[in-house]
Every structure is written in structure tokens, then in C-alpha cells.
Amino acid sequence: MALSYLLDPNDYMTFVNPKLISETAHQIVEWEYCLSFPSIRCMVKRPQGILVNYLDESGGEHEQKLQDFSARVFLHELDHVEGRTMTHWKISEGNIDIIDGKQDRNKHLMTTVDFYKDKIAEMKDQFEDEIFQEKRPFEDKIDAEDGATWRHFKQ
């Protein structure tokens, strides 16, 4: 029995050589999960919307706005491409937790998570959040369509 009836290629988006062009100044903080870390969740702050540039499967160049969940998933996967995961201290800022119901099976992991939460809290106090601030140069622009403030990154 083929599973092709469950998968429709039109339900998926392909981004080749993706680049983040701009993001909304408005950020949303939500739990993120990842199959790379099946017992962990991280509270991650991400922009509500992003503007991306990418190539499609045929090599055509596109620019597209992604909002809410689509923007979050794109940035989560872009982090993977750039060698980071949601557990990276600059992404989660130490807001890492064991998923409810899995604590008993992950006692050693919880000890490690608690250790790094404390270390990151110390770093944030010591450096007054300087290392957690956006370092890429950007220019704020107001979007004519939605009136939102967007951070346009210098390429």
C-alpha cells in the first residue's frame, strides 16, 4: 500500500539558499520543540513576521513574507542550516525545560539543563544583556501594507 495519498508536495515549501532580508520588530515568545531533542522544549523569542529571499527547485529567485508559525518554522530550520539549534544559549537564553511527563526518564538531563540555566542567568547579569542583543546592522522601516515596523538588514 502506497502512502502517496498522505503526502502532497503542494503542502510543502522548498527554500534553496535562504536569506533573511528583514523581520518585524514585534517579537513573540513561544515554546519550540525539535525532533533532534525529543525530551526538551525551549522558550524562544522570534519575530512575528519575516521577509526572505530564496531560490526554488528550478533556480528561480523569490522574495516572500512569512508570518506567525511559518516564520517561526523557517527561522528554526535556518538556525539548523547555520549550525545552531534551539538549545543554543543565544536562541533560548537558557529557557530550556524537560517536556512534561518526561522528567523521571531524564533526571541527568534535567541536572545539566538546570546547570546551564544558572550559567546563562549569570552571564546575562554580568554582561547586562549586551551579548543577547542583535548585532547585525539594520534599518527600521514602516510597512505600507500592515503598518508594522520591520528591521531591514543590510546585505
Protein backbone atom coordinates (compact mmCIF):
# COMPACT_ATOMS: atom_id res chain seq x y z
CA MET A 1 0.00 0.00 0.00
CA ALA A 2 1.45 3.35 -1.05
CA LEU A 3 1.48 6.29 1.32
CA SER A 4 1.36 8.82 -1.51
CA TYR A 5 -2.22 9.70 -0.63
CA LEU A 6 -0.93 11.08 2.69
CA LEU A 7 1.75 13.30 1.18
CA ASP A 8 1.06 16.13 -1.22
CA PRO A 9 4.13 18.04 -2.48
CA ASN A 10 1.98 21.18 -2.67
CA ASP A 11 1.73 21.13 1.13
CA TYR A 12 5.47 21.81 1.46
CA MET A 13 7.71 24.77 0.68
CA THR A 14 11.30 24.46 -0.55
CA PHE A 15 13.82 27.22 0.14
CA VAL A 16 17.22 26.88 -1.55
CA ASN A 17 19.98 29.24 -0.33
CA PRO A 18 17.60 31.11 2.01
CA LYS A 19 18.45 34.62 3.22
CA LEU A 20 16.68 36.66 5.85
CA ILE A 21 16.04 40.14 4.41
CA SER A 22 14.03 41.69 7.23
CA GLU A 23 11.94 40.87 10.26
CA THR A 24 9.24 42.57 12.27
CA ALA A 25 10.33 44.49 15.33
CA HIS A 26 7.45 42.79 17.16
CA GLN A 27 8.72 39.57 18.75
CA ILE A 28 6.70 36.62 20.08
CA VAL A 29 7.93 34.25 22.79
CA GLU A 30 6.70 30.63 22.50
CA TRP A 31 7.79 27.10 23.29
CA GLU A 32 9.63 25.34 20.46
CA TYR A 33 10.15 21.63 20.05
CA CYS A 34 12.62 19.74 17.85
CA LEU A 35 12.98 16.12 16.79
CA SER A 36 16.72 16.49 17.45
CA PHE A 37 15.89 16.83 21.17
CA PRO A 38 12.80 14.69 21.81
CA SER A 39 12.63 15.37 25.57
CA ILE A 40 13.37 19.11 25.56
CA ARG A 41 11.45 22.26 24.81
CA CYS A 42 12.85 25.78 24.66
CA MET A 43 11.14 29.13 25.10
CA VAL A 44 12.31 31.11 22.08
CA LYS A 45 11.71 34.74 21.08
CA ARG A 46 11.20 35.15 17.34
CA PRO A 47 9.84 37.92 15.11
CA GLN A 48 6.17 37.68 14.20
CA GLY A 49 6.98 38.14 10.51
CA ILE A 50 9.97 37.82 8.22
CA LEU A 51 10.86 38.67 4.62
CA VAL A 52 13.05 36.04 2.97
CA ASN A 53 14.86 35.66 -0.32
CA TYR A 54 15.44 32.18 -1.77
CA LEU A 55 15.71 30.05 -4.88
CA ASP A 56 13.08 27.48 -5.79
CA GLU A 57 13.75 23.97 -7.12
CA SER A 58 14.15 25.35 -10.67
CA GLY A 59 16.62 28.07 -9.66
CA GLY A 60 14.10 30.91 -9.79
CA GLU A 61 14.66 33.68 -7.27
CA HIS A 62 11.80 34.65 -4.96
CA GLU A 63 11.06 37.02 -2.10
CA GLN A 64 8.28 36.13 0.31
CA LYS A 65 6.81 37.32 3.60
CA LEU A 66 6.17 34.65 6.21
CA GLN A 67 4.06 35.32 9.29
CA ASP A 68 3.50 33.66 12.66
CA PHE A 69 4.02 29.85 12.66
CA SER A 70 5.52 29.78 9.13
CA ALA A 71 8.07 32.44 10.13
CA ARG A 72 8.93 30.54 13.32
CA VAL A 73 9.44 27.23 11.47
CA PHE A 74 11.54 28.93 8.78
CA LEU A 75 13.83 30.55 11.38
CA HIS A 76 14.05 27.31 13.39
CA GLU A 77 15.21 25.44 10.28
CA LEU A 78 17.50 28.31 9.19
CA ASP A 79 19.18 28.04 12.60
CA HIS A 80 19.89 24.37 11.81
CA VAL A 81 21.39 25.33 8.42
CA GLU A 82 23.61 27.87 10.21
CA GLY A 83 24.78 25.26 12.74
CA ARG A 84 22.62 26.25 15.71
CA THR A 85 19.74 24.56 17.50
CA MET A 86 17.04 25.91 19.77
CA THR A 87 19.21 24.85 22.73
CA HIS A 88 21.94 27.35 21.75
CA TRP A 89 22.22 29.86 24.58
CA LYS A 90 21.75 32.86 22.28
CA ILE A 91 18.49 31.42 20.89
CA SER A 92 16.86 30.06 24.05
CA GLU A 93 18.63 32.40 26.50
CA GLY A 94 18.65 29.43 28.87
CA ASN A 95 14.87 28.96 28.81
CA ILE A 96 15.14 25.18 28.38
CA ASP A 97 12.85 22.67 30.02
CA ILE A 98 12.15 18.95 30.03
CA ILE A 99 8.78 18.19 28.42
CA ASP A 100 6.07 17.44 31.00
CA GLY A 101 5.86 13.73 31.78
CA LYS A 102 9.45 13.01 30.71
CA GLN A 103 11.30 14.33 33.77
CA ASP A 104 11.64 10.95 35.51
CA ARG A 105 13.28 9.40 32.43
CA ASN A 106 15.66 12.36 32.05
CA LYS A 107 16.96 13.13 35.55
CA HIS A 108 20.58 13.54 34.40
CA LEU A 109 19.49 15.73 31.51
CA MET A 110 17.48 17.90 33.90
CA THR A 111 20.57 18.37 36.09
CA THR A 112 22.51 19.55 33.04
CA VAL A 113 19.68 21.84 31.91
CA ASP A 114 19.46 23.40 35.38
CA PHE A 115 23.25 23.92 35.44
CA TYR A 116 23.21 25.77 32.10
CA LYS A 117 20.13 27.80 33.02
CA ASP A 118 22.05 29.10 36.04
CA LYS A 119 25.20 29.81 33.98
CA ILE A 120 23.24 31.74 31.35
CA ALA A 121 21.45 33.76 34.05
CA GLU A 122 24.88 34.67 35.47
CA MET A 123 26.13 35.71 32.02
CA LYS A 124 23.07 37.87 31.43
CA ASP A 125 23.63 39.64 34.77
CA GLN A 126 27.36 40.04 34.17
CA PHE A 127 27.14 41.41 30.63
CA GLU A 128 23.91 43.38 31.08
CA ASP A 129 22.29 41.65 28.07
CA GLU A 130 24.89 43.08 25.62
CA ILE A 131 25.67 39.65 24.19
CA PHE A 132 21.98 38.90 23.71
CA GLN A 133 21.29 41.94 21.54
CA GLU A 134 21.00 41.86 17.75
CA LYS A 135 24.42 42.59 16.22
CA ARG A 136 23.51 42.66 12.52
CA PRO A 137 23.18 46.21 11.22
CA PHE A 138 19.58 47.06 10.34
CA GLU A 139 17.35 49.97 9.48
CA ASP A 140 13.80 50.26 10.81
CA LYS A 141 11.14 50.70 8.11
CA ILE A 142 7.37 51.01 8.38
CA ASP A 143 5.50 48.58 6.11
CA ALA A 144 2.89 50.38 3.97
CA GLU A 145 0.61 47.32 3.92
CA ASP A 146 0.36 46.42 7.59
CA GLY A 147 1.83 49.47 9.36
CA ALA A 148 4.26 47.26 11.30
CA THR A 149 7.86 48.23 11.98
CA TRP A 150 10.28 45.96 10.12
CA ARG A 151 14.03 45.64 10.70
CA HIS A 152 15.58 45.65 7.25
CA PHE A 153 19.03 44.01 7.42
CA LYS A 154 21.90 45.46 5.44
CA GLN A 155 23.07 42.83 2.98
